[in-house]
Amino acid sequence: MTAGGGFRHLDEHGRASMVDVLSKPPTYRVARASCRVRTSSAGLRLLRGAAGADSVSTARTAGLEGAKRTPALIPLCHPIRLDSVLVDISIGKAGVTITATARTVERTGVEMEALTACACAALSIVRTVLSVDPGACLDDLVLVHKSGGRSGTWNRGRDALSLPPGSVPADEGRHPGPHASGRPGGRPGAGPPPRHRGGRAS
């Protein structure tokens, strides 16, 4: 039993502490998150306009940078190597859907990196439409899928969030190649990652 009634980020004295993962073996891990930006018809027109493509590209970059900087933004997150980060942004009739997928071979998961990527991309979209829609907001930020590690695979129920096609990975168990999003290099013996829409960090 951990301190604080099960909180793993508390030590035996109840103080905030980074979880010790040194004894855990590195495993292939995937996390996928999704969120929405709700905005007015004026905001959606702005995003679909001539400058919209550049704004979406900027938001995708914000998501990639957010994933890489998660340990600096979220206290007690481990600084880990990200082998791949993909961010997909889709403009629909009711708003903008953002999906982020993070992959690594590490001792701890990449759930927070995927969630942070979505949040940063969404905030970039909000910044873009704020001049025409002060009521724009980030909504439904959730973890959709995780795999790897001791806890194994978890998928959010399809009725919990209306996701774009392919949002629940069908590539579970595949390994990333040497394409890194945060730092160069991949793990030896890893095959190429599946193809996805969206941005890839360099």
N, C-alpha and C. Protein backbone atom coordinates (compact mmCIF):
# COMPACT_ATOMS: atom_id res chain seq x y z
N MET A 1 0.85 -1.19 0.00
CA MET A 1 0.00 0.00 0.00
C MET A 1 0.88 1.24 0.00
N THR A 2 0.58 2.19 -0.84
CA THR A 2 1.35 3.42 -0.89
C THR A 2 0.80 4.43 0.09
N ALA A 3 1.59 5.47 0.37
CA ALA A 3 1.16 6.50 1.31
C ALA A 3 -0.01 7.28 0.73
N GLY A 4 -0.76 7.89 1.63
CA GLY A 4 -1.86 8.75 1.18
C GLY A 4 -3.04 7.98 0.61
N GLY A 5 -3.23 6.71 1.07
CA GLY A 5 -4.39 5.95 0.62
C GLY A 5 -4.33 5.55 -0.83
N GLY A 6 -3.13 5.32 -1.37
CA GLY A 6 -3.02 4.83 -2.73
C GLY A 6 -2.40 5.82 -3.70
N PHE A 7 -2.15 7.04 -3.29
CA PHE A 7 -1.51 8.01 -4.17
C PHE A 7 -0.04 7.66 -4.32
N ARG A 8 0.38 7.30 -5.53
CA ARG A 8 1.74 6.84 -5.75
C ARG A 8 2.74 8.01 -5.73
N HIS A 9 2.26 9.23 -5.88
CA HIS A 9 3.15 10.39 -5.90
C HIS A 9 3.34 11.01 -4.52
N LEU A 10 3.02 10.25 -3.48
CA LEU A 10 3.28 10.69 -2.10
C LEU A 10 4.23 9.70 -1.44
N ASP A 11 5.21 10.21 -0.69
CA ASP A 11 6.11 9.31 0.01
C ASP A 11 5.49 8.86 1.33
N GLU A 12 6.29 8.14 2.14
CA GLU A 12 5.75 7.58 3.40
C GLU A 12 5.36 8.65 4.40
N HIS A 13 5.80 9.90 4.17
CA HIS A 13 5.45 11.01 5.06
C HIS A 13 4.32 11.87 4.48
N GLY A 14 3.77 11.44 3.35
CA GLY A 14 2.68 12.18 2.73
C GLY A 14 3.13 13.37 1.91
N ARG A 15 4.42 13.45 1.60
CA ARG A 15 4.95 14.56 0.81
C ARG A 15 4.99 14.18 -0.67
N ALA A 16 4.76 15.17 -1.53
CA ALA A 16 4.81 14.93 -2.98
C ALA A 16 6.19 14.45 -3.37
N SER A 17 6.23 13.39 -4.18
CA SER A 17 7.50 12.80 -4.55
C SER A 17 7.37 12.12 -5.91
N MET A 18 8.43 12.19 -6.73
CA MET A 18 8.42 11.50 -8.01
C MET A 18 8.49 9.99 -7.78
N VAL A 19 7.66 9.24 -8.51
CA VAL A 19 7.62 7.79 -8.36
C VAL A 19 8.95 7.18 -8.82
N ASP A 20 9.49 6.26 -8.03
CA ASP A 20 10.73 5.57 -8.38
C ASP A 20 10.42 4.44 -9.36
N VAL A 21 10.90 4.56 -10.60
CA VAL A 21 10.63 3.55 -11.62
C VAL A 21 11.91 2.79 -12.00
N LEU A 22 12.98 2.97 -11.23
CA LEU A 22 14.27 2.40 -11.60
C LEU A 22 14.24 0.88 -11.72
N SER A 23 13.42 0.22 -10.89
CA SER A 23 13.38 -1.24 -10.90
C SER A 23 12.52 -1.81 -12.03
N LYS A 24 11.79 -0.96 -12.74
CA LYS A 24 10.91 -1.44 -13.81
C LYS A 24 11.68 -1.56 -15.12
N PRO A 25 11.44 -2.61 -15.89
CA PRO A 25 12.12 -2.76 -17.18
C PRO A 25 11.49 -1.84 -18.23
N PRO A 26 12.27 -1.31 -19.15
CA PRO A 26 11.69 -0.52 -20.24
C PRO A 26 10.79 -1.40 -21.12
N THR A 27 9.61 -0.91 -21.45
CA THR A 27 8.71 -1.63 -22.35
C THR A 27 8.14 -0.65 -23.37
N TYR A 28 7.64 -1.19 -24.46
CA TYR A 28 7.02 -0.37 -25.50
C TYR A 28 5.67 0.13 -25.00
N ARG A 29 5.46 1.43 -25.03
CA ARG A 29 4.25 2.04 -24.49
C ARG A 29 3.64 3.00 -25.50
N VAL A 30 2.32 3.00 -25.54
CA VAL A 30 1.56 3.89 -26.41
C VAL A 30 0.46 4.55 -25.59
N ALA A 31 0.24 5.81 -25.81
CA ALA A 31 -0.91 6.50 -25.20
C ALA A 31 -1.53 7.40 -26.25
N ARG A 32 -2.85 7.43 -26.24
CA ARG A 32 -3.57 8.31 -27.16
C ARG A 32 -4.62 9.09 -26.38
N ALA A 33 -4.69 10.38 -26.62
CA ALA A 33 -5.65 11.26 -25.95
C ALA A 33 -6.42 12.05 -26.99
N SER A 34 -7.52 12.62 -26.57
CA SER A 34 -8.35 13.41 -27.48
C SER A 34 -9.03 14.53 -26.72
N CYS A 35 -9.34 15.61 -27.42
CA CYS A 35 -10.11 16.70 -26.82
C CYS A 35 -10.83 17.46 -27.93
N ARG A 36 -11.68 18.38 -27.52
CA ARG A 36 -12.41 19.22 -28.47
C ARG A 36 -12.18 20.69 -28.15
N VAL A 37 -12.23 21.50 -29.16
CA VAL A 37 -12.36 22.94 -28.98
C VAL A 37 -13.74 23.32 -29.50
N ARG A 38 -14.55 23.85 -28.61
CA ARG A 38 -15.89 24.30 -29.00
C ARG A 38 -15.82 25.78 -29.32
N THR A 39 -16.28 26.14 -30.50
CA THR A 39 -16.23 27.53 -30.92
C THR A 39 -17.45 27.85 -31.78
N SER A 40 -17.68 29.12 -32.03
CA SER A 40 -18.84 29.58 -32.79
C SER A 40 -18.63 29.34 -34.29
N SER A 41 -19.69 29.58 -35.04
CA SER A 41 -19.59 29.45 -36.51
C SER A 41 -18.57 30.43 -37.06
N ALA A 42 -18.45 31.61 -36.42
CA ALA A 42 -17.45 32.58 -36.86
C ALA A 42 -16.04 32.04 -36.64
N GLY A 43 -15.83 31.35 -35.52
CA GLY A 43 -14.54 30.75 -35.25
C GLY A 43 -14.21 29.65 -36.24
N LEU A 44 -15.20 28.84 -36.58
CA LEU A 44 -14.97 27.77 -37.55
C LEU A 44 -14.69 28.33 -38.94
N ARG A 45 -15.38 29.41 -39.30
CA ARG A 45 -15.11 30.05 -40.60
C ARG A 45 -13.69 30.59 -40.65
N LEU A 46 -13.25 31.15 -39.54
CA LEU A 46 -11.88 31.67 -39.49
C LEU A 46 -10.87 30.54 -39.70
N LEU A 47 -11.10 29.40 -39.06
CA LEU A 47 -10.18 28.27 -39.19
C LEU A 47 -10.21 27.66 -40.59
N ARG A 48 -11.35 27.74 -41.25
CA ARG A 48 -11.46 27.19 -42.60
C ARG A 48 -11.02 28.17 -43.68
N GLY A 49 -10.74 29.40 -43.27
CA GLY A 49 -10.36 30.43 -44.22
C GLY A 49 -8.92 30.30 -44.70
N ALA A 50 -8.48 31.33 -45.40
CA ALA A 50 -7.15 31.29 -46.03
C ALA A 50 -6.05 31.09 -45.00
N ALA A 51 -6.20 31.71 -43.83
CA ALA A 51 -5.16 31.60 -42.81
C ALA A 51 -5.36 30.40 -41.89
N GLY A 52 -6.45 29.68 -42.11
CA GLY A 52 -6.77 28.57 -41.22
C GLY A 52 -5.76 27.45 -41.25
N ALA A 53 -5.26 27.12 -42.45
CA ALA A 53 -4.29 26.02 -42.58
C ALA A 53 -3.04 26.31 -41.77
N ASP A 54 -2.60 27.56 -41.82
CA ASP A 54 -1.40 27.92 -41.06
C ASP A 54 -1.68 27.87 -39.56
N SER A 55 -2.88 28.27 -39.16
CA SER A 55 -3.25 28.21 -37.74
C SER A 55 -3.30 26.77 -37.24
N VAL A 56 -3.82 25.87 -38.06
CA VAL A 56 -3.87 24.46 -37.68
C VAL A 56 -2.46 23.89 -37.59
N SER A 57 -1.61 24.26 -38.54
CA SER A 57 -0.22 23.81 -38.49
C SER A 57 0.49 24.31 -37.23
N THR A 58 0.22 25.57 -36.87
CA THR A 58 0.80 26.12 -35.65
C THR A 58 0.30 25.37 -34.42
N ALA A 59 -0.99 25.04 -34.40
CA ALA A 59 -1.56 24.30 -33.27
C ALA A 59 -0.95 22.91 -33.17
N ARG A 60 -0.71 22.27 -34.31
CA ARG A 60 -0.09 20.96 -34.30
C ARG A 60 1.33 21.05 -33.71
N THR A 61 2.07 22.09 -34.10
CA THR A 61 3.40 22.29 -33.55
C THR A 61 3.33 22.53 -32.04
N ALA A 62 2.34 23.29 -31.60
CA ALA A 62 2.16 23.52 -30.16
C ALA A 62 1.94 22.21 -29.42
N GLY A 63 1.17 21.30 -30.03
CA GLY A 63 0.95 20.00 -29.42
C GLY A 63 2.22 19.19 -29.31
N LEU A 64 3.01 19.19 -30.38
CA LEU A 64 4.28 18.45 -30.37
C LEU A 64 5.23 19.00 -29.32
N GLU A 65 5.33 20.33 -29.26
CA GLU A 65 6.21 20.95 -28.27
C GLU A 65 5.70 20.70 -26.85
N GLY A 66 4.40 20.74 -26.67
CA GLY A 66 3.82 20.47 -25.36
C GLY A 66 4.16 19.08 -24.87
N ALA A 67 4.08 18.08 -25.77
CA ALA A 67 4.40 16.71 -25.39
C ALA A 67 5.85 16.61 -24.91
N LYS A 68 6.75 17.26 -25.64
CA LYS A 68 8.18 17.18 -25.29
C LYS A 68 8.50 17.91 -23.99
N ARG A 69 7.67 18.90 -23.65
CA ARG A 69 7.95 19.71 -22.45
C ARG A 69 7.06 19.34 -21.27
N THR A 70 6.40 18.21 -21.34
CA THR A 70 5.49 17.80 -20.27
C THR A 70 6.15 17.80 -18.89
N PRO A 71 7.37 17.27 -18.73
CA PRO A 71 7.97 17.28 -17.38
C PRO A 71 8.19 18.68 -16.83
N ALA A 72 8.36 19.67 -17.71
CA ALA A 72 8.55 21.05 -17.24
C ALA A 72 7.22 21.72 -16.90
N LEU A 73 6.13 21.21 -17.46
CA LEU A 73 4.82 21.81 -17.25
C LEU A 73 4.03 21.14 -16.14
N ILE A 74 4.18 19.83 -16.01
CA ILE A 74 3.41 19.05 -15.03
C ILE A 74 4.35 18.52 -13.96
N PRO A 75 4.23 18.97 -12.73
CA PRO A 75 5.14 18.51 -11.66
C PRO A 75 5.12 17.00 -11.49
N LEU A 76 6.28 16.44 -11.20
CA LEU A 76 6.48 15.03 -10.86
C LEU A 76 6.42 14.09 -12.06
N CYS A 77 6.26 14.63 -13.28
CA CYS A 77 6.33 13.78 -14.47
C CYS A 77 7.80 13.47 -14.78
N HIS A 78 8.08 12.24 -15.16
CA HIS A 78 9.44 11.85 -15.48
C HIS A 78 9.86 12.42 -16.84
N PRO A 79 11.08 12.92 -16.94
CA PRO A 79 11.60 13.31 -18.26
C PRO A 79 11.98 12.07 -19.05
N ILE A 80 11.21 11.73 -20.06
CA ILE A 80 11.43 10.50 -20.81
C ILE A 80 11.71 10.82 -22.27
N ARG A 81 12.28 9.85 -22.96
CA ARG A 81 12.50 9.99 -24.39
C ARG A 81 11.22 9.65 -25.13
N LEU A 82 10.81 10.52 -26.03
CA LEU A 82 9.65 10.26 -26.87
C LEU A 82 10.14 9.79 -28.23
N ASP A 83 9.75 8.58 -28.62
CA ASP A 83 10.16 8.05 -29.91
C ASP A 83 9.26 8.53 -31.04
N SER A 84 8.03 8.89 -30.72
CA SER A 84 7.11 9.38 -31.75
C SER A 84 5.96 10.12 -31.09
N VAL A 85 5.59 11.24 -31.67
CA VAL A 85 4.39 11.98 -31.27
C VAL A 85 3.65 12.39 -32.53
N LEU A 86 2.37 12.04 -32.61
CA LEU A 86 1.54 12.39 -33.75
C LEU A 86 0.35 13.19 -33.26
N VAL A 87 0.06 14.29 -33.94
CA VAL A 87 -1.07 15.15 -33.57
C VAL A 87 -1.97 15.32 -34.79
N ASP A 88 -3.23 14.99 -34.64
CA ASP A 88 -4.20 15.13 -35.73
C ASP A 88 -5.25 16.15 -35.31
N ILE A 89 -5.57 17.09 -36.21
CA ILE A 89 -6.56 18.13 -35.93
C ILE A 89 -7.61 18.10 -37.02
N SER A 90 -8.87 17.96 -36.63
CA SER A 90 -9.97 17.86 -37.58
C SER A 90 -11.03 18.92 -37.26
N ILE A 91 -11.36 19.73 -38.27
CA ILE A 91 -12.38 20.78 -38.10
C ILE A 91 -13.72 20.23 -38.55
N GLY A 92 -14.67 20.15 -37.63
CA GLY A 92 -15.99 19.62 -37.94
C GLY A 92 -17.06 20.69 -37.87
N LYS A 93 -18.30 20.27 -37.93
CA LYS A 93 -19.43 21.20 -37.91
C LYS A 93 -19.64 21.82 -36.53
N ALA A 94 -19.31 21.07 -35.49
CA ALA A 94 -19.59 21.54 -34.12
C ALA A 94 -18.34 22.02 -33.39
N GLY A 95 -17.18 21.92 -34.02
CA GLY A 95 -15.96 22.33 -33.34
C GLY A 95 -14.75 21.64 -33.94
N VAL A 96 -13.69 21.61 -33.17
CA VAL A 96 -12.42 21.05 -33.62
C VAL A 96 -12.07 19.86 -32.72
N THR A 97 -11.76 18.73 -33.34
CA THR A 97 -11.34 17.55 -32.59
C THR A 97 -9.84 17.37 -32.75
N ILE A 98 -9.16 17.16 -31.63
CA ILE A 98 -7.71 16.99 -31.62
C ILE A 98 -7.38 15.63 -31.00
N THR A 99 -6.54 14.88 -31.68
CA THR A 99 -6.10 13.58 -31.19
C THR A 99 -4.58 13.55 -31.19
N ALA A 100 -3.98 13.09 -30.11
CA ALA A 100 -2.53 12.99 -30.01
C ALA A 100 -2.14 11.59 -29.57
N THR A 101 -1.12 11.05 -30.22
CA THR A 101 -0.60 9.73 -29.90
C THR A 101 0.88 9.83 -29.59
N ALA A 102 1.29 9.29 -28.46
CA ALA A 102 2.70 9.30 -28.07
C ALA A 102 3.18 7.86 -27.90
N ARG A 103 4.42 7.62 -28.34
CA ARG A 103 5.02 6.29 -28.24
C ARG A 103 6.43 6.39 -27.66
N THR A 104 6.79 5.37 -26.91
CA THR A 104 8.13 5.33 -26.32
C THR A 104 8.48 3.91 -25.93
N VAL A 105 9.75 3.68 -25.66
CA VAL A 105 10.21 2.47 -24.97
C VAL A 105 10.86 2.98 -23.70
N GLU A 106 10.13 2.87 -22.59
CA GLU A 106 10.57 3.48 -21.34
C GLU A 106 10.05 2.69 -20.13
N ARG A 107 10.46 3.15 -18.94
CA ARG A 107 10.02 2.53 -17.69
C ARG A 107 8.69 3.08 -17.18
N THR A 108 8.22 4.15 -17.78
CA THR A 108 6.96 4.76 -17.36
C THR A 108 6.17 5.18 -18.59
N GLY A 109 4.89 5.39 -18.41
CA GLY A 109 4.00 5.62 -19.54
C GLY A 109 4.04 7.03 -20.11
N VAL A 110 3.32 7.22 -21.21
CA VAL A 110 3.30 8.50 -21.92
C VAL A 110 1.88 9.10 -21.95
N GLU A 111 1.06 8.71 -20.97
CA GLU A 111 -0.30 9.25 -20.93
C GLU A 111 -0.31 10.76 -20.79
N MET A 112 0.52 11.29 -19.89
CA MET A 112 0.53 12.73 -19.66
C MET A 112 1.06 13.48 -20.87
N GLU A 113 1.99 12.87 -21.59
CA GLU A 113 2.51 13.51 -22.80
C GLU A 113 1.43 13.62 -23.87
N ALA A 114 0.62 12.59 -24.04
CA ALA A 114 -0.47 12.64 -25.01
C ALA A 114 -1.53 13.67 -24.60
N LEU A 115 -1.86 13.69 -23.32
CA LEU A 115 -2.86 14.64 -22.83
C LEU A 115 -2.35 16.08 -22.96
N THR A 116 -1.07 16.30 -22.63
CA THR A 116 -0.51 17.64 -22.72
C THR A 116 -0.43 18.11 -24.16
N ALA A 117 -0.11 17.20 -25.08
CA ALA A 117 -0.09 17.55 -26.50
C ALA A 117 -1.46 18.04 -26.95
N CYS A 118 -2.52 17.33 -26.56
CA CYS A 118 -3.88 17.74 -26.92
C CYS A 118 -4.20 19.12 -26.34
N ALA A 119 -3.88 19.31 -25.06
CA ALA A 119 -4.21 20.57 -24.39
C ALA A 119 -3.50 21.75 -25.04
N CYS A 120 -2.22 21.59 -25.35
CA CYS A 120 -1.45 22.69 -25.95
C CYS A 120 -1.95 23.00 -27.36
N ALA A 121 -2.25 21.98 -28.13
CA ALA A 121 -2.79 22.20 -29.47
C ALA A 121 -4.14 22.91 -29.38
N ALA A 122 -4.98 22.48 -28.44
CA ALA A 122 -6.29 23.10 -28.27
C ALA A 122 -6.18 24.56 -27.87
N LEU A 123 -5.27 24.87 -26.96
CA LEU A 123 -5.10 26.26 -26.53
C LEU A 123 -4.61 27.14 -27.67
N SER A 124 -3.81 26.57 -28.56
CA SER A 124 -3.37 27.32 -29.73
C SER A 124 -4.56 27.64 -30.65
N ILE A 125 -5.48 26.68 -30.79
CA ILE A 125 -6.69 26.92 -31.59
C ILE A 125 -7.55 27.99 -30.92
N VAL A 126 -7.70 27.90 -29.60
CA VAL A 126 -8.48 28.91 -28.87
C VAL A 126 -7.88 30.29 -29.08
N ARG A 127 -6.57 30.40 -29.01
CA ARG A 127 -5.90 31.69 -29.24
C ARG A 127 -6.24 32.24 -30.63
N THR A 128 -6.31 31.36 -31.62
CA THR A 128 -6.59 31.79 -32.99
C THR A 128 -7.98 32.38 -33.13
N VAL A 129 -8.98 31.76 -32.49
CA VAL A 129 -10.37 32.18 -32.70
C VAL A 129 -10.86 33.17 -31.66
N LEU A 130 -10.02 33.48 -30.68
CA LEU A 130 -10.46 34.30 -29.55
C LEU A 130 -10.97 35.68 -29.99
N SER A 131 -10.41 36.23 -31.05
CA SER A 131 -10.81 37.56 -31.50
C SER A 131 -12.24 37.59 -32.01
N VAL A 132 -12.72 36.47 -32.54
CA VAL A 132 -14.10 36.42 -33.07
C VAL A 132 -15.02 35.63 -32.15
N ASP A 133 -14.46 34.86 -31.22
CA ASP A 133 -15.28 34.07 -30.31
C ASP A 133 -14.63 34.00 -28.92
N PRO A 134 -14.88 35.00 -28.07
CA PRO A 134 -14.31 34.98 -26.71
C PRO A 134 -14.80 33.80 -25.88
N GLY A 135 -15.87 33.15 -26.32
CA GLY A 135 -16.42 32.01 -25.57
C GLY A 135 -15.84 30.67 -25.96
N ALA A 136 -14.87 30.65 -26.88
CA ALA A 136 -14.25 29.39 -27.29
C ALA A 136 -13.65 28.68 -26.08
N CYS A 137 -13.79 27.35 -26.03
CA CYS A 137 -13.30 26.63 -24.86
C CYS A 137 -12.78 25.25 -25.23
N LEU A 138 -11.90 24.75 -24.39
CA LEU A 138 -11.38 23.39 -24.49
C LEU A 138 -12.33 22.48 -23.72
N ASP A 139 -12.68 21.34 -24.32
CA ASP A 139 -13.65 20.45 -23.70
C ASP A 139 -13.25 19.00 -23.94
N ASP A 140 -13.75 18.10 -23.08
CA ASP A 140 -13.60 16.65 -23.27
C ASP A 140 -12.16 16.20 -23.43
N LEU A 141 -11.25 16.71 -22.63
CA LEU A 141 -9.86 16.24 -22.67
C LEU A 141 -9.78 14.92 -21.92
N VAL A 142 -9.53 13.83 -22.65
CA VAL A 142 -9.56 12.50 -22.05
C VAL A 142 -8.46 11.62 -22.64
N LEU A 143 -8.06 10.63 -21.85
CA LEU A 143 -7.21 9.57 -22.35
C LEU A 143 -8.10 8.56 -23.07
N VAL A 144 -7.70 8.17 -24.28
CA VAL A 144 -8.50 7.26 -25.10
C VAL A 144 -7.95 5.83 -25.04
N HIS A 145 -6.61 5.73 -25.02
CA HIS A 145 -5.99 4.41 -25.07
C HIS A 145 -4.62 4.46 -24.40
N LYS A 146 -4.27 3.38 -23.74
CA LYS A 146 -2.91 3.19 -23.26
C LYS A 146 -2.55 1.72 -23.36
N SER A 147 -1.29 1.45 -23.64
CA SER A 147 -0.82 0.06 -23.65
C SER A 147 0.63 0.02 -23.22
N GLY A 148 1.05 -1.14 -22.74
CA GLY A 148 2.41 -1.33 -22.26
C GLY A 148 2.50 -1.17 -20.75
N GLY A 149 3.59 -1.66 -20.18
CA GLY A 149 3.77 -1.56 -18.74
C GLY A 149 3.01 -2.64 -17.98
N ARG A 150 3.10 -2.58 -16.67
CA ARG A 150 2.48 -3.60 -15.82
C ARG A 150 0.97 -3.63 -15.91
N SER A 151 0.38 -2.47 -16.12
CA SER A 151 -1.09 -2.40 -16.14
C SER A 151 -1.69 -2.83 -17.47
N GLY A 152 -0.86 -3.06 -18.48
CA GLY A 152 -1.35 -3.58 -19.75
C GLY A 152 -2.11 -2.58 -20.58
N THR A 153 -3.14 -3.06 -21.27
CA THR A 153 -3.88 -2.24 -22.25
C THR A 153 -5.21 -1.77 -21.67
N TRP A 154 -5.53 -0.52 -21.95
CA TRP A 154 -6.81 0.06 -21.53
C TRP A 154 -7.36 0.91 -22.67
N ASN A 155 -8.64 0.78 -22.96
CA ASN A 155 -9.31 1.57 -23.97
C ASN A 155 -10.56 2.22 -23.39
N ARG A 156 -10.74 3.50 -23.66
CA ARG A 156 -11.97 4.18 -23.24
C ARG A 156 -13.13 3.66 -24.08
N GLY A 157 -14.30 3.53 -23.45
CA GLY A 157 -15.47 3.09 -24.18
C GLY A 157 -15.82 4.03 -25.31
N ARG A 158 -16.26 3.49 -26.42
CA ARG A 158 -16.56 4.31 -27.59
C ARG A 158 -17.69 5.30 -27.34
N ASP A 159 -18.56 4.99 -26.36
CA ASP A 159 -19.66 5.91 -26.08
C ASP A 159 -19.23 7.08 -25.21
N ALA A 160 -17.97 7.08 -24.73
CA ALA A 160 -17.52 8.16 -23.85
C ALA A 160 -17.16 9.42 -24.61
N LEU A 161 -16.78 9.28 -25.87
CA LEU A 161 -16.36 10.43 -26.66
C LEU A 161 -16.49 10.09 -28.12
N SER A 162 -17.08 10.97 -28.89
CA SER A 162 -17.22 10.76 -30.32
C SER A 162 -15.89 11.09 -30.99
N LEU A 163 -15.19 10.05 -31.45
CA LEU A 163 -13.85 10.22 -31.99
C LEU A 163 -13.82 10.05 -33.50
N PRO A 164 -12.84 10.67 -34.17
CA PRO A 164 -12.69 10.46 -35.60
C PRO A 164 -12.26 9.03 -35.88
N PRO A 165 -12.46 8.53 -37.12
CA PRO A 165 -12.09 7.16 -37.45
C PRO A 165 -10.62 6.89 -37.13
N GLY A 166 -10.37 5.69 -36.58
CA GLY A 166 -9.00 5.29 -36.30
C GLY A 166 -8.44 5.81 -35.00
N SER A 167 -9.29 6.40 -34.14
CA SER A 167 -8.76 6.99 -32.93
C SER A 167 -8.31 5.97 -31.91
N VAL A 168 -8.87 4.76 -31.93
CA VAL A 168 -8.38 3.70 -31.06
C VAL A 168 -7.38 2.89 -31.84
N PRO A 169 -6.12 2.83 -31.42
CA PRO A 169 -5.07 2.23 -32.22
C PRO A 169 -5.35 0.78 -32.58
N ALA A 170 -5.07 0.43 -33.83
CA ALA A 170 -5.14 -0.95 -34.27
C ALA A 170 -3.76 -1.55 -34.38
N ASP A 171 -2.75 -0.79 -33.94
CA ASP A 171 -1.36 -1.20 -34.12
C ASP A 171 -0.72 -1.63 -32.81
N GLU A 172 -1.52 -2.00 -31.85
CA GLU A 172 -1.01 -2.37 -30.54
C GLU A 172 -0.02 -3.51 -30.66
N GLY A 173 1.11 -3.35 -30.01
CA GLY A 173 2.13 -4.38 -30.05
C GLY A 173 3.24 -4.10 -31.05
N ARG A 174 3.01 -3.17 -32.00
CA ARG A 174 4.08 -2.81 -32.91
C ARG A 174 5.09 -1.93 -32.19
N HIS A 175 6.27 -1.88 -32.72
CA HIS A 175 7.33 -1.11 -32.08
C HIS A 175 7.72 0.07 -32.95
N PRO A 176 8.09 1.19 -32.32
CA PRO A 176 8.48 2.35 -33.09
C PRO A 176 9.85 2.17 -33.71
N GLY A 177 10.07 2.84 -34.82
CA GLY A 177 11.36 2.81 -35.48
C GLY A 177 12.25 3.90 -34.93
N PRO A 178 13.30 4.26 -35.66
CA PRO A 178 14.25 5.25 -35.16
C PRO A 178 13.80 6.67 -35.35
N HIS A 179 12.51 6.89 -35.60
CA HIS A 179 12.01 8.24 -35.81
C HIS A 179 11.65 8.83 -34.46
N ALA A 180 12.39 9.78 -33.99
CA ALA A 180 12.16 10.34 -32.65
C ALA A 180 11.51 11.69 -32.76
N SER A 181 10.63 11.96 -31.83
CA SER A 181 9.99 13.27 -31.81
C SER A 181 10.69 14.21 -30.87
N GLY A 182 11.17 13.71 -29.73
CA GLY A 182 11.81 14.57 -28.77
C GLY A 182 13.31 14.58 -28.90
N ARG A 183 13.91 13.42 -29.07
CA ARG A 183 15.35 13.30 -29.17
C ARG A 183 15.69 12.27 -30.23
N PRO A 184 16.83 12.37 -30.85
CA PRO A 184 17.17 11.45 -31.93
C PRO A 184 17.38 10.04 -31.46
N GLY A 185 17.11 9.11 -32.39
CA GLY A 185 17.44 7.70 -32.12
C GLY A 185 16.27 6.91 -31.64
N GLY A 186 16.24 5.62 -31.94
CA GLY A 186 15.22 4.71 -31.46
C GLY A 186 15.89 3.50 -30.85
N ARG A 187 15.09 2.58 -30.35
CA ARG A 187 15.65 1.39 -29.73
C ARG A 187 16.03 0.37 -30.80
N PRO A 188 17.17 -0.31 -30.67
CA PRO A 188 17.57 -1.30 -31.66
C PRO A 188 16.54 -2.39 -31.82
N GLY A 189 16.37 -2.83 -33.07
CA GLY A 189 15.46 -3.93 -33.35
C GLY A 189 14.02 -3.50 -33.51
N ALA A 190 13.73 -2.22 -33.40
CA ALA A 190 12.35 -1.75 -33.52
C ALA A 190 12.00 -1.57 -34.98
N GLY A 191 10.80 -1.97 -35.34
CA GLY A 191 10.35 -1.83 -36.72
C GLY A 191 9.76 -0.47 -36.96
N PRO A 192 9.36 -0.18 -38.20
CA PRO A 192 8.80 1.15 -38.52
C PRO A 192 7.43 1.32 -37.92
N PRO A 193 7.09 2.54 -37.48
CA PRO A 193 5.76 2.79 -36.91
C PRO A 193 4.72 2.83 -38.00
N PRO A 194 3.44 2.56 -37.68
CA PRO A 194 2.38 2.65 -38.67
C PRO A 194 2.19 4.08 -39.14
N ARG A 195 1.61 4.23 -40.33
CA ARG A 195 1.38 5.57 -40.88
C ARG A 195 0.15 6.18 -40.24
N HIS A 196 0.20 7.44 -39.97
CA HIS A 196 -0.92 8.18 -39.37
C HIS A 196 -1.03 9.53 -40.05
N ARG A 197 -2.20 10.11 -39.98
CA ARG A 197 -2.34 11.50 -40.36
C ARG A 197 -1.78 12.36 -39.25
N GLY A 198 -1.49 13.60 -39.57
CA GLY A 198 -1.10 14.56 -38.53
C GLY A 198 0.38 14.83 -38.55
N GLY A 199 0.83 15.62 -37.57
CA GLY A 199 2.21 16.08 -37.55
C GLY A 199 3.11 15.11 -36.84
N ARG A 200 4.35 15.09 -37.23
CA ARG A 200 5.38 14.30 -36.56
C ARG A 200 6.49 15.23 -36.16
N ALA A 201 6.89 15.18 -34.92
CA ALA A 201 7.96 16.05 -34.47
C ALA A 201 9.26 15.63 -35.10
N SER A 202 10.14 16.59 -35.33
CA SER A 202 11.43 16.27 -35.93
C SER A 202 12.50 16.08 -34.88
